[in-house]
């Protein structure tokens, strides 16, 4: 409701560009929220621009270590200017494989790019281990952490990589208002990081208030001011998750039963996936294996 009211209140300004003053006000609001200095904040969805800058700065051939499969906006941008992607497979739990990532950081590493929770798996690394990795890896190269979905975690404030930015580690953290705040139609986010790197990105023209748009800034500011929104979404998700969890447990039980019926090893992931599909088909009144 706060976002809608803010947009409606700004409608008389529809014919006007965003101003530097408006952009600076929001920058200061973000800085207060993250408990850092405003000169450590750059506004906008800048992953692509950040990738272009890091890939160009130092010439072609820089390596960018990242987890795969995953969201590749930053890594793809580096490739356009001679950057070399170094993919590292997720571990068996579909999390960022921190030991394997550490082994791939070397003299040619220009940056490390991680997503937490990971996209598309939705998995979270253990907070203590993740923060230790960030601190150690950032001593060799900048580490960019994409936290686009972190607020969906009930303990997200304890997981913020911004804690390392506050401690002046060579870490950048990206956040967006597209996801939990539902502002994808008014595309906006921000990145926090070391002062020198943020200043360099601003010199490249990133974070310009006029480009960001007046309504994007107004909506994001209202969203950040609404302290009730994220808890409300979390409660809604928990309430919706309970029936889904019950259905998942029933599906798992049906799949195990079908594995036993067909004399398949229940521990085999492929067999379990097949049985899940057949069990679901039976539940919907379809013939399942009898049609094969």
C-alpha atoms as a PDB file:
ATOM      1  CA  UNK A   1       0.000   0.000   0.000  1.00  0.00           C
ATOM      2  CA  UNK A   2       2.850   2.409   0.756  1.00  0.00           C
ATOM      3  CA  UNK A   3       4.307   1.865  -2.717  1.00  0.00           C
ATOM      4  CA  UNK A   4       0.972   2.419  -4.437  1.00  0.00           C
ATOM      5  CA  UNK A   5       0.341   5.589  -2.434  1.00  0.00           C
ATOM      6  CA  UNK A   6       3.825   6.912  -3.234  1.00  0.00           C
ATOM      7  CA  UNK A   7       3.336   6.331  -6.964  1.00  0.00           C
ATOM      8  CA  UNK A   8      -0.109   7.930  -6.963  1.00  0.00           C
ATOM      9  CA  UNK A   9       1.223  10.894  -5.001  1.00  0.00           C
ATOM     10  CA  UNK A  10       3.966  11.365  -7.628  1.00  0.00           C
ATOM     11  CA  UNK A  11       1.680  11.217 -10.677  1.00  0.00           C
ATOM     12  CA  UNK A  12       1.668  15.038 -11.088  1.00  0.00           C
ATOM     13  CA  UNK A  13       5.453  14.706 -11.679  1.00  0.00           C
ATOM     14  CA  UNK A  14       4.971  12.212 -14.518  1.00  0.00           C
ATOM     15  CA  UNK A  15       6.310  14.662 -17.132  1.00  0.00           C
ATOM     16  CA  UNK A  16       9.518  15.302 -15.182  1.00  0.00           C
ATOM     17  CA  UNK A  17      12.779  13.408 -15.129  1.00  0.00           C
ATOM     18  CA  UNK A  18      14.259  12.128 -11.906  1.00  0.00           C
ATOM     19  CA  UNK A  19      16.643  14.577 -10.273  1.00  0.00           C
ATOM     20  CA  UNK A  20      20.058  14.236  -8.723  1.00  0.00           C
ATOM     21  CA  UNK A  21      18.505  15.323  -5.443  1.00  0.00           C
ATOM     22  CA  UNK A  22      15.929  12.505  -5.556  1.00  0.00           C
ATOM     23  CA  UNK A  23      18.644   9.985  -6.393  1.00  0.00           C
ATOM     24  CA  UNK A  24      20.848  11.242  -3.556  1.00  0.00           C
ATOM     25  CA  UNK A  25      17.987  11.041  -1.063  1.00  0.00           C
ATOM     26  CA  UNK A  26      17.412   7.396  -1.950  1.00  0.00           C
ATOM     27  CA  UNK A  27      21.145   6.677  -1.843  1.00  0.00           C
ATOM     28  CA  UNK A  28      21.270   8.028   1.704  1.00  0.00           C
ATOM     29  CA  UNK A  29      18.195   5.964   2.639  1.00  0.00           C
ATOM     30  CA  UNK A  30      19.873   2.799   1.344  1.00  0.00           C
ATOM     31  CA  UNK A  31      23.094   3.659   3.167  1.00  0.00           C
ATOM     32  CA  UNK A  32      21.202   4.062   6.437  1.00  0.00           C
ATOM     33  CA  UNK A  33      19.441   0.722   5.886  1.00  0.00           C
ATOM     34  CA  UNK A  34      22.754  -1.049   5.162  1.00  0.00           C
ATOM     35  CA  UNK A  35      24.611   0.860   7.908  1.00  0.00           C
ATOM     36  CA  UNK A  36      27.327   2.093   5.564  1.00  0.00           C
ATOM     37  CA  UNK A  37      28.405   5.394   4.025  1.00  0.00           C
ATOM     38  CA  UNK A  38      26.478   6.785   1.004  1.00  0.00           C
ATOM     39  CA  UNK A  39      29.676   6.716  -1.062  1.00  0.00           C
ATOM     40  CA  UNK A  40      29.566   2.913  -0.780  1.00  0.00           C
ATOM     41  CA  UNK A  41      26.205   2.746  -2.608  1.00  0.00           C
ATOM     42  CA  UNK A  42      25.458   2.801  -6.315  1.00  0.00           C
ATOM     43  CA  UNK A  43      21.868   2.648  -7.524  1.00  0.00           C
ATOM     44  CA  UNK A  44      20.482   0.614 -10.404  1.00  0.00           C
ATOM     45  CA  UNK A  45      20.490  -2.937 -11.773  1.00  0.00           C
ATOM     46  CA  UNK A  46      24.178  -2.761 -12.638  1.00  0.00           C
ATOM     47  CA  UNK A  47      25.357  -6.381 -12.871  1.00  0.00           C
ATOM     48  CA  UNK A  48      25.881  -6.078 -16.618  1.00  0.00           C
ATOM     49  CA  UNK A  49      27.679  -2.744 -16.311  1.00  0.00           C
ATOM     50  CA  UNK A  50      29.766  -4.072 -13.442  1.00  0.00           C
ATOM     51  CA  UNK A  51      30.775  -7.056 -15.568  1.00  0.00           C
ATOM     52  CA  UNK A  52      31.796  -4.807 -18.452  1.00  0.00           C
ATOM     53  CA  UNK A  53      33.886  -2.641 -16.140  1.00  0.00           C
ATOM     54  CA  UNK A  54      35.665  -5.537 -14.412  1.00  0.00           C
ATOM     55  CA  UNK A  55      36.221  -7.344 -17.696  1.00  0.00           C
ATOM     56  CA  UNK A  56      37.717  -4.236 -19.318  1.00  0.00           C
ATOM     57  CA  UNK A  57      39.769  -2.969 -16.401  1.00  0.00           C
ATOM     58  CA  UNK A  58      43.116  -4.713 -16.788  1.00  0.00           C
ATOM     59  CA  UNK A  59      42.512  -5.837 -20.365  1.00  0.00           C
ATOM     60  CA  UNK A  60      41.211  -9.106 -21.816  1.00  0.00           C
ATOM     61  CA  UNK A  61      42.030 -12.465 -20.264  1.00  0.00           C
ATOM     62  CA  UNK A  62      40.818 -11.862 -16.711  1.00  0.00           C
ATOM     63  CA  UNK A  63      39.107 -14.873 -15.154  1.00  0.00           C
ATOM     64  CA  UNK A  64      35.713 -14.770 -13.453  1.00  0.00           C
ATOM     65  CA  UNK A  65      34.967 -17.647 -11.100  1.00  0.00           C
ATOM     66  CA  UNK A  66      31.284 -18.505 -10.646  1.00  0.00           C
ATOM     67  CA  UNK A  67      28.918 -21.337  -9.706  1.00  0.00           C
ATOM     68  CA  UNK A  68      27.104 -23.265 -12.418  1.00  0.00           C
ATOM     69  CA  UNK A  69      24.325 -23.720 -13.346  1.00  0.00           C
ATOM     70  CA  UNK A  70      23.276 -20.194 -12.408  1.00  0.00           C
ATOM     71  CA  UNK A  71      22.237 -16.690 -13.412  1.00  0.00           C
ATOM     72  CA  UNK A  72      24.921 -15.315 -15.731  1.00  0.00           C
ATOM     73  CA  UNK A  73      24.199 -11.629 -16.409  1.00  0.00           C
ATOM     74  CA  UNK A  74      27.515 -10.475 -14.948  1.00  0.00           C
ATOM     75  CA  UNK A  75      29.603 -13.325 -16.375  1.00  0.00           C
ATOM     76  CA  UNK A  76      28.107 -12.948 -19.860  1.00  0.00           C
ATOM     77  CA  UNK A  77      28.896  -9.229 -19.792  1.00  0.00           C
ATOM     78  CA  UNK A  78      32.565  -9.912 -19.017  1.00  0.00           C
ATOM     79  CA  UNK A  79      32.798 -12.243 -22.023  1.00  0.00           C
ATOM     80  CA  UNK A  80      31.914  -9.330 -24.325  1.00  0.00           C
ATOM     81  CA  UNK A  81      35.162  -7.575 -23.374  1.00  0.00           C
ATOM     82  CA  UNK A  82      37.516 -10.550 -23.217  1.00  0.00           C
ATOM     83  CA  UNK A  83      36.723 -11.960 -19.788  1.00  0.00           C
ATOM     84  CA  UNK A  84      37.041 -15.713 -19.296  1.00  0.00           C
ATOM     85  CA  UNK A  85      34.396 -17.527 -17.271  1.00  0.00           C
ATOM     86  CA  UNK A  86      35.566 -20.224 -14.869  1.00  0.00           C
ATOM     87  CA  UNK A  87      32.485 -22.298 -13.995  1.00  0.00           C
ATOM     88  CA  UNK A  88      32.450 -24.394 -10.829  1.00  0.00           C
ATOM     89  CA  UNK A  89      29.719 -26.998 -10.373  1.00  0.00           C
ATOM     90  CA  UNK A  90      27.404 -26.796  -7.379  1.00  0.00           C
ATOM     91  CA  UNK A  91      27.990 -29.406  -4.690  1.00  0.00           C
ATOM     92  CA  UNK A  92      25.796 -32.465  -4.072  1.00  0.00           C
ATOM     93  CA  UNK A  93      23.355 -30.318  -2.046  1.00  0.00           C
ATOM     94  CA  UNK A  94      23.078 -27.875  -5.017  1.00  0.00           C
ATOM     95  CA  UNK A  95      24.870 -25.171  -2.996  1.00  0.00           C
ATOM     96  CA  UNK A  96      27.870 -23.028  -3.930  1.00  0.00           C
ATOM     97  CA  UNK A  97      30.803 -25.436  -3.561  1.00  0.00           C
ATOM     98  CA  UNK A  98      33.047 -23.217  -1.462  1.00  0.00           C
ATOM     99  CA  UNK A  99      36.121 -25.533  -1.307  1.00  0.00           C
ATOM    100  CA  UNK A 100      35.999 -26.066  -5.092  1.00  0.00           C
ATOM    101  CA  UNK A 101      35.542 -22.354  -5.736  1.00  0.00           C
ATOM    102  CA  UNK A 102      38.535 -21.616  -3.521  1.00  0.00           C
ATOM    103  CA  UNK A 103      40.703 -23.967  -5.591  1.00  0.00           C
ATOM    104  CA  UNK A 104      39.866 -22.084  -8.796  1.00  0.00           C
ATOM    105  CA  UNK A 105      40.953 -18.663  -7.500  1.00  0.00           C
ATOM    106  CA  UNK A 106      44.374 -17.794  -8.893  1.00  0.00           C
ATOM    107  CA  UNK A 107      46.641 -15.081 -10.217  1.00  0.00           C
ATOM    108  CA  UNK A 108      44.372 -14.413 -13.227  1.00  0.00           C
ATOM    109  CA  UNK A 109      41.174 -14.167 -11.191  1.00  0.00           C
ATOM    110  CA  UNK A 110      39.584 -10.787 -11.798  1.00  0.00           C
ATOM    111  CA  UNK A 111      36.509 -11.420  -9.604  1.00  0.00           C
ATOM    112  CA  UNK A 112      34.337 -14.106  -8.031  1.00  0.00           C
ATOM    113  CA  UNK A 113      30.560 -14.019  -8.585  1.00  0.00           C
ATOM    114  CA  UNK A 114      28.218 -15.897  -6.241  1.00  0.00           C
ATOM    115  CA  UNK A 115      24.455 -15.996  -5.762  1.00  0.00           C
ATOM    116  CA  UNK A 116      23.071 -16.658  -2.286  1.00  0.00           C
ATOM    117  CA  UNK A 117      20.422 -18.076  -2.193  1.00  0.00           C
ATOM    118  CA  UNK A 118      21.562 -19.635  -5.422  1.00  0.00           C
ATOM    119  CA  UNK A 119      19.497 -19.175  -8.570  1.00  0.00           C
ATOM    120  CA  UNK A 120      17.908 -21.439  -9.777  1.00  0.00           C
ATOM    121  CA  UNK A 121      18.267 -23.975  -6.926  1.00  0.00           C
ATOM    122  CA  UNK A 122      17.196 -21.680  -4.067  1.00  0.00           C
ATOM    123  CA  UNK A 123      19.825 -23.190  -1.754  1.00  0.00           C
ATOM    124  CA  UNK A 124      21.642 -21.238   0.961  1.00  0.00           C
ATOM    125  CA  UNK A 125      25.191 -21.803   2.121  1.00  0.00           C
ATOM    126  CA  UNK A 126      25.930 -22.072   5.829  1.00  0.00           C
ATOM    127  CA  UNK A 127      26.338 -18.470   6.968  1.00  0.00           C
ATOM    128  CA  UNK A 128      29.567 -18.846   8.940  1.00  0.00           C
ATOM    129  CA  UNK A 129      31.261 -20.863   6.189  1.00  0.00           C
ATOM    130  CA  UNK A 130      30.027 -18.483   3.493  1.00  0.00           C
ATOM    131  CA  UNK A 131      31.232 -15.367   5.293  1.00  0.00           C
ATOM    132  CA  UNK A 132      34.606 -16.991   5.983  1.00  0.00           C
ATOM    133  CA  UNK A 133      34.930 -17.802   2.299  1.00  0.00           C
ATOM    134  CA  UNK A 134      34.034 -14.224   1.320  1.00  0.00           C
ATOM    135  CA  UNK A 135      36.615 -12.796   3.680  1.00  0.00           C
ATOM    136  CA  UNK A 136      39.366 -15.120   2.425  1.00  0.00           C
ATOM    137  CA  UNK A 137      38.522 -14.904  -1.287  1.00  0.00           C
ATOM    138  CA  UNK A 138      38.163 -11.126  -1.243  1.00  0.00           C
ATOM    139  CA  UNK A 139      41.802 -10.862  -0.162  1.00  0.00           C
ATOM    140  CA  UNK A 140      42.685 -12.089  -3.693  1.00  0.00           C
ATOM    141  CA  UNK A 141      39.977 -10.471  -5.853  1.00  0.00           C
ATOM    142  CA  UNK A 142      36.632  -8.677  -5.545  1.00  0.00           C
ATOM    143  CA  UNK A 143      33.754 -10.977  -4.630  1.00  0.00           C
ATOM    144  CA  UNK A 144      30.298 -10.049  -5.908  1.00  0.00           C
ATOM    145  CA  UNK A 145      27.375 -11.552  -3.991  1.00  0.00           C
ATOM    146  CA  UNK A 146      23.959 -11.475  -5.637  1.00  0.00           C
ATOM    147  CA  UNK A 147      21.359 -11.514  -2.831  1.00  0.00           C
ATOM    148  CA  UNK A 148      18.286 -10.970  -5.021  1.00  0.00           C
ATOM    149  CA  UNK A 149      16.285 -13.624  -3.164  1.00  0.00           C
ATOM    150  CA  UNK A 150      17.823 -13.450   0.316  1.00  0.00           C
ATOM    151  CA  UNK A 151      14.879 -11.673   1.974  1.00  0.00           C
ATOM    152  CA  UNK A 152      12.777 -14.793   1.430  1.00  0.00           C
ATOM    153  CA  UNK A 153      14.902 -16.480   4.104  1.00  0.00           C
ATOM    154  CA  UNK A 154      13.441 -15.979   7.608  1.00  0.00           C
ATOM    155  CA  UNK A 155      16.891 -15.183   9.060  1.00  0.00           C
ATOM    156  CA  UNK A 156      18.063 -13.048   6.148  1.00  0.00           C
ATOM    157  CA  UNK A 157      19.467 -10.255   8.301  1.00  0.00           C
ATOM    158  CA  UNK A 158      21.943 -12.656   9.902  1.00  0.00           C
ATOM    159  CA  UNK A 159      23.016 -13.816   6.422  1.00  0.00           C
ATOM    160  CA  UNK A 160      23.645 -10.386   4.871  1.00  0.00           C
ATOM    161  CA  UNK A 161      27.033 -10.231   3.162  1.00  0.00           C
ATOM    162  CA  UNK A 162      26.764  -6.493   3.808  1.00  0.00           C
ATOM    163  CA  UNK A 163      28.339  -7.249   7.179  1.00  0.00           C
ATOM    164  CA  UNK A 164      31.633  -7.723   5.334  1.00  0.00           C
ATOM    165  CA  UNK A 165      31.177  -4.494   3.383  1.00  0.00           C
ATOM    166  CA  UNK A 166      30.803  -2.763   6.732  1.00  0.00           C
ATOM    167  CA  UNK A 167      34.139  -4.318   7.724  1.00  0.00           C
ATOM    168  CA  UNK A 168      35.755  -2.915   4.525  1.00  0.00           C
ATOM    169  CA  UNK A 169      36.281  -6.281   2.875  1.00  0.00           C
ATOM    170  CA  UNK A 170      36.655  -6.291  -0.923  1.00  0.00           C
ATOM    171  CA  UNK A 171      33.059  -7.499  -1.300  1.00  0.00           C
ATOM    172  CA  UNK A 172      30.166  -6.100  -3.331  1.00  0.00           C
ATOM    173  CA  UNK A 173      26.556  -6.994  -2.592  1.00  0.00           C
ATOM    174  CA  UNK A 174      23.752  -6.660  -5.116  1.00  0.00           C
ATOM    175  CA  UNK A 175      20.086  -6.341  -4.113  1.00  0.00           C
ATOM    176  CA  UNK A 176      16.952  -5.790  -6.165  1.00  0.00           C
ATOM    177  CA  UNK A 177      13.399  -4.581  -5.566  1.00  0.00           C
ATOM    178  CA  UNK A 178      12.141  -6.850  -8.366  1.00  0.00           C
ATOM    179  CA  UNK A 179      11.598  -9.951  -6.238  1.00  0.00           C
ATOM    180  CA  UNK A 180      10.143  -9.805  -2.728  1.00  0.00           C
ATOM    181  CA  UNK A 181       9.059  -6.179  -3.197  1.00  0.00           C
ATOM    182  CA  UNK A 182       7.300  -7.011  -6.476  1.00  0.00           C
ATOM    183  CA  UNK A 183       8.666  -4.056  -8.461  1.00  0.00           C
ATOM    184  CA  UNK A 184       9.883  -5.838 -11.608  1.00  0.00           C
ATOM    185  CA  UNK A 185       7.774  -3.436 -13.665  1.00  0.00           C
ATOM    186  CA  UNK A 186       9.777  -0.567 -12.154  1.00  0.00           C
ATOM    187  CA  UNK A 187      13.163  -2.265 -12.503  1.00  0.00           C
ATOM    188  CA  UNK A 188      15.576  -1.046  -9.822  1.00  0.00           C
ATOM    189  CA  UNK A 189      18.161  -2.345  -7.397  1.00  0.00           C
ATOM    190  CA  UNK A 190      21.447  -1.254  -5.857  1.00  0.00           C
ATOM    191  CA  UNK A 191      24.957  -2.433  -5.137  1.00  0.00           C
ATOM    192  CA  UNK A 192      27.104  -1.704  -2.101  1.00  0.00           C
ATOM    193  CA  UNK A 193      30.842  -2.134  -1.925  1.00  0.00           C
ATOM    194  CA  UNK A 194      34.269  -0.550  -1.432  1.00  0.00           C
ATOM    195  CA  UNK A 195      34.368   3.230  -1.904  1.00  0.00           C
ATOM    196  CA  UNK A 196      37.037   3.223  -4.621  1.00  0.00           C
ATOM    197  CA  UNK A 197      35.222   0.690  -6.795  1.00  0.00           C
ATOM    198  CA  UNK A 198      31.851   2.386  -6.331  1.00  0.00           C
ATOM    199  CA  UNK A 199      33.430   5.715  -7.332  1.00  0.00           C
ATOM    200  CA  UNK A 200      34.959   4.107 -10.435  1.00  0.00           C
ATOM    201  CA  UNK A 201      31.573   2.693 -11.459  1.00  0.00           C
ATOM    202  CA  UNK A 202      29.953   6.106 -11.064  1.00  0.00           C
ATOM    203  CA  UNK A 203      32.598   7.590 -13.354  1.00  0.00           C
ATOM    204  CA  UNK A 204      31.432   5.075 -15.973  1.00  0.00           C
ATOM    205  CA  UNK A 205      27.960   6.619 -15.773  1.00  0.00           C
ATOM    206  CA  UNK A 206      26.325   3.874 -13.733  1.00  0.00           C
ATOM    207  CA  UNK A 207      23.789   4.890 -11.093  1.00  0.00           C
ATOM    208  CA  UNK A 208      22.654   8.066 -12.864  1.00  0.00           C
ATOM    209  CA  UNK A 209      19.385   9.238 -11.293  1.00  0.00           C
ATOM    210  CA  UNK A 210      17.857  10.508 -14.522  1.00  0.00           C
ATOM    211  CA  UNK A 211      18.377   7.127 -16.197  1.00  0.00           C
ATOM    212  CA  UNK A 212      16.907   5.273 -13.219  1.00  0.00           C
ATOM    213  CA  UNK A 213      13.564   7.055 -13.532  1.00  0.00           C
ATOM    214  CA  UNK A 214      11.486   9.069 -11.102  1.00  0.00           C
ATOM    215  CA  UNK A 215       8.834   6.416 -10.412  1.00  0.00           C
ATOM    216  CA  UNK A 216      11.416   3.676  -9.975  1.00  0.00           C
ATOM    217  CA  UNK A 217      13.136   5.730  -7.273  1.00  0.00           C
ATOM    218  CA  UNK A 218       9.888   6.749  -5.592  1.00  0.00           C
ATOM    219  CA  UNK A 219       8.554   3.181  -5.532  1.00  0.00           C
ATOM    220  CA  UNK A 220      11.814   1.681  -4.251  1.00  0.00           C
ATOM    221  CA  UNK A 221      12.080   4.311  -1.524  1.00  0.00           C
ATOM    222  CA  UNK A 222       8.540   3.558  -0.356  1.00  0.00           C
ATOM    223  CA  UNK A 223       9.227  -0.180  -0.434  1.00  0.00           C
ATOM    224  CA  UNK A 224      12.366   0.188   1.671  1.00  0.00           C
ATOM    225  CA  UNK A 225      10.439   2.350   4.157  1.00  0.00           C
ATOM    226  CA  UNK A 226       7.701  -0.279   4.618  1.00  0.00           C
ATOM    227  CA  UNK A 227       8.960  -2.328   7.572  1.00  0.00           C
ATOM    228  CA  UNK A 228       5.829  -4.524   7.522  1.00  0.00           C
ATOM    229  CA  UNK A 229       6.107  -5.807   3.940  1.00  0.00           C
ATOM    230  CA  UNK A 230       8.794  -8.505   4.232  1.00  0.00           C
ATOM    231  CA  UNK A 231       7.368 -10.025   7.471  1.00  0.00           C
ATOM    232  CA  UNK A 232       3.922 -10.059   5.856  1.00  0.00           C
ATOM    233  CA  UNK A 233       5.226 -11.865   2.770  1.00  0.00           C
ATOM    234  CA  UNK A 234       7.130 -14.327   4.978  1.00  0.00           C
ATOM    235  CA  UNK A 235       3.980 -15.187   6.945  1.00  0.00           C
ATOM    236  CA  UNK A 236       2.051 -15.649   3.725  1.00  0.00           C
ATOM    237  CA  UNK A 237       4.728 -17.973   2.347  1.00  0.00           C
ATOM    238  CA  UNK A 238       4.791 -20.038   5.552  1.00  0.00           C
ATOM    239  CA  UNK A 239       1.026 -20.443   5.505  1.00  0.00           C
ATOM    240  CA  UNK A 240       1.104 -21.494   1.872  1.00  0.00           C
ATOM    241  CA  UNK A 241       4.059 -23.810   2.413  1.00  0.00           C
ATOM    242  CA  UNK A 242       2.300 -26.048   4.949  1.00  0.00           C
ATOM    243  CA  UNK A 243      -0.161 -27.712   2.533  1.00  0.00           C
ATOM    244  CA  UNK A 244       2.615 -27.963  -0.058  1.00  0.00           C
ATOM    245  CA  UNK A 245       4.836 -29.710   2.498  1.00  0.00           C
ATOM    246  CA  UNK A 246       2.043 -32.162   3.322  1.00  0.00           C
ATOM    247  CA  UNK A 247       1.577 -32.925  -0.369  1.00  0.00           C
ATOM    248  CA  UNK A 248       5.325 -33.361  -0.801  1.00  0.00           C
ATOM    249  CA  UNK A 249       5.463 -35.856   2.092  1.00  0.00           C
ATOM    250  CA  UNK A 250       2.549 -37.818   0.597  1.00  0.00           C
ATOM    251  CA  UNK A 251       4.244 -37.808  -2.815  1.00  0.00           C
ATOM    252  CA  UNK A 252       7.506 -39.021  -1.287  1.00  0.00           C
ATOM    253  CA  UNK A 253       5.723 -41.845   0.524  1.00  0.00           C
ATOM    254  CA  UNK A 254       3.904 -42.853  -2.679  1.00  0.00           C
ATOM    255  CA  UNK A 255       7.161 -42.835  -4.623  1.00  0.00           C
ATOM    256  CA  UNK A 256       8.876 -45.074  -2.053  1.00  0.00           C
ATOM    257  CA  UNK A 257       5.921 -47.460  -2.120  1.00  0.00           C
ATOM    258  CA  UNK A 258       6.059 -47.627  -5.911  1.00  0.00           C
ATOM    259  CA  UNK A 259       9.807 -48.248  -5.814  1.00  0.00           C
ATOM    260  CA  UNK A 260       9.180 -51.233  -3.568  1.00  0.00           C
ATOM    261  CA  UNK A 261       6.342 -52.445  -5.819  1.00  0.00           C
ATOM    262  CA  UNK A 262       8.598 -52.298  -8.878  1.00  0.00           C
ATOM    263  CA  UNK A 263      11.621 -53.603  -6.944  1.00  0.00           C
ATOM    264  CA  UNK A 264      13.685 -50.510  -7.729  1.00  0.00           C
ATOM    265  CA  UNK A 265      16.415 -49.210  -5.399  1.00  0.00           C
ATOM    266  CA  UNK A 266      14.766 -46.445  -3.380  1.00  0.00           C
ATOM    267  CA  UNK A 267      18.049 -44.633  -2.847  1.00  0.00           C
ATOM    268  CA  UNK A 268      18.623 -44.170  -6.584  1.00  0.00           C
ATOM    269  CA  UNK A 269      17.715 -40.609  -7.524  1.00  0.00           C
ATOM    270  CA  UNK A 270      16.661 -41.508 -11.085  1.00  0.00           C
ATOM    271  CA  UNK A 271      14.395 -44.286  -9.888  1.00  0.00           C
ATOM    272  CA  UNK A 272      12.795 -42.027  -7.294  1.00  0.00           C
ATOM    273  CA  UNK A 273      12.170 -39.284  -9.880  1.00  0.00           C
ATOM    274  CA  UNK A 274      10.517 -41.771 -12.236  1.00  0.00           C
ATOM    275  CA  UNK A 275       8.369 -43.141  -9.426  1.00  0.00           C
ATOM    276  CA  UNK A 276       7.349 -39.633  -8.386  1.00  0.00           C
ATOM    277  CA  UNK A 277       6.069 -39.037 -11.913  1.00  0.00           C
ATOM    278  CA  UNK A 278       4.200 -42.339 -12.137  1.00  0.00           C
ATOM    279  CA  UNK A 279       2.742 -41.942  -8.629  1.00  0.00           C
ATOM    280  CA  UNK A 280       1.508 -38.466  -9.543  1.00  0.00           C
ATOM    281  CA  UNK A 281      -0.050 -39.827 -12.737  1.00  0.00           C
ATOM    282  CA  UNK A 282      -1.864 -42.529 -10.762  1.00  0.00           C
ATOM    283  CA  UNK A 283      -3.096 -39.925  -8.291  1.00  0.00           C
ATOM    284  CA  UNK A 284      -4.616 -37.971 -11.204  1.00  0.00           C
ATOM    285  CA  UNK A 285      -6.391 -41.072 -12.439  1.00  0.00           C
ATOM    286  CA  UNK A 286      -3.981 -41.757 -15.303  1.00  0.00           C
ATOM    287  CA  UNK A 287      -2.785 -45.263 -16.142  1.00  0.00           C
ATOM    288  CA  UNK A 288       0.885 -44.719 -15.305  1.00  0.00           C
ATOM    289  CA  UNK A 289       3.106 -47.699 -16.142  1.00  0.00           C
ATOM    290  CA  UNK A 290       0.202 -49.815 -17.395  1.00  0.00           C
ATOM    291  CA  UNK A 291       0.149 -47.664 -20.542  1.00  0.00           C
ATOM    292  CA  UNK A 292       3.796 -48.456 -21.342  1.00  0.00           C
END
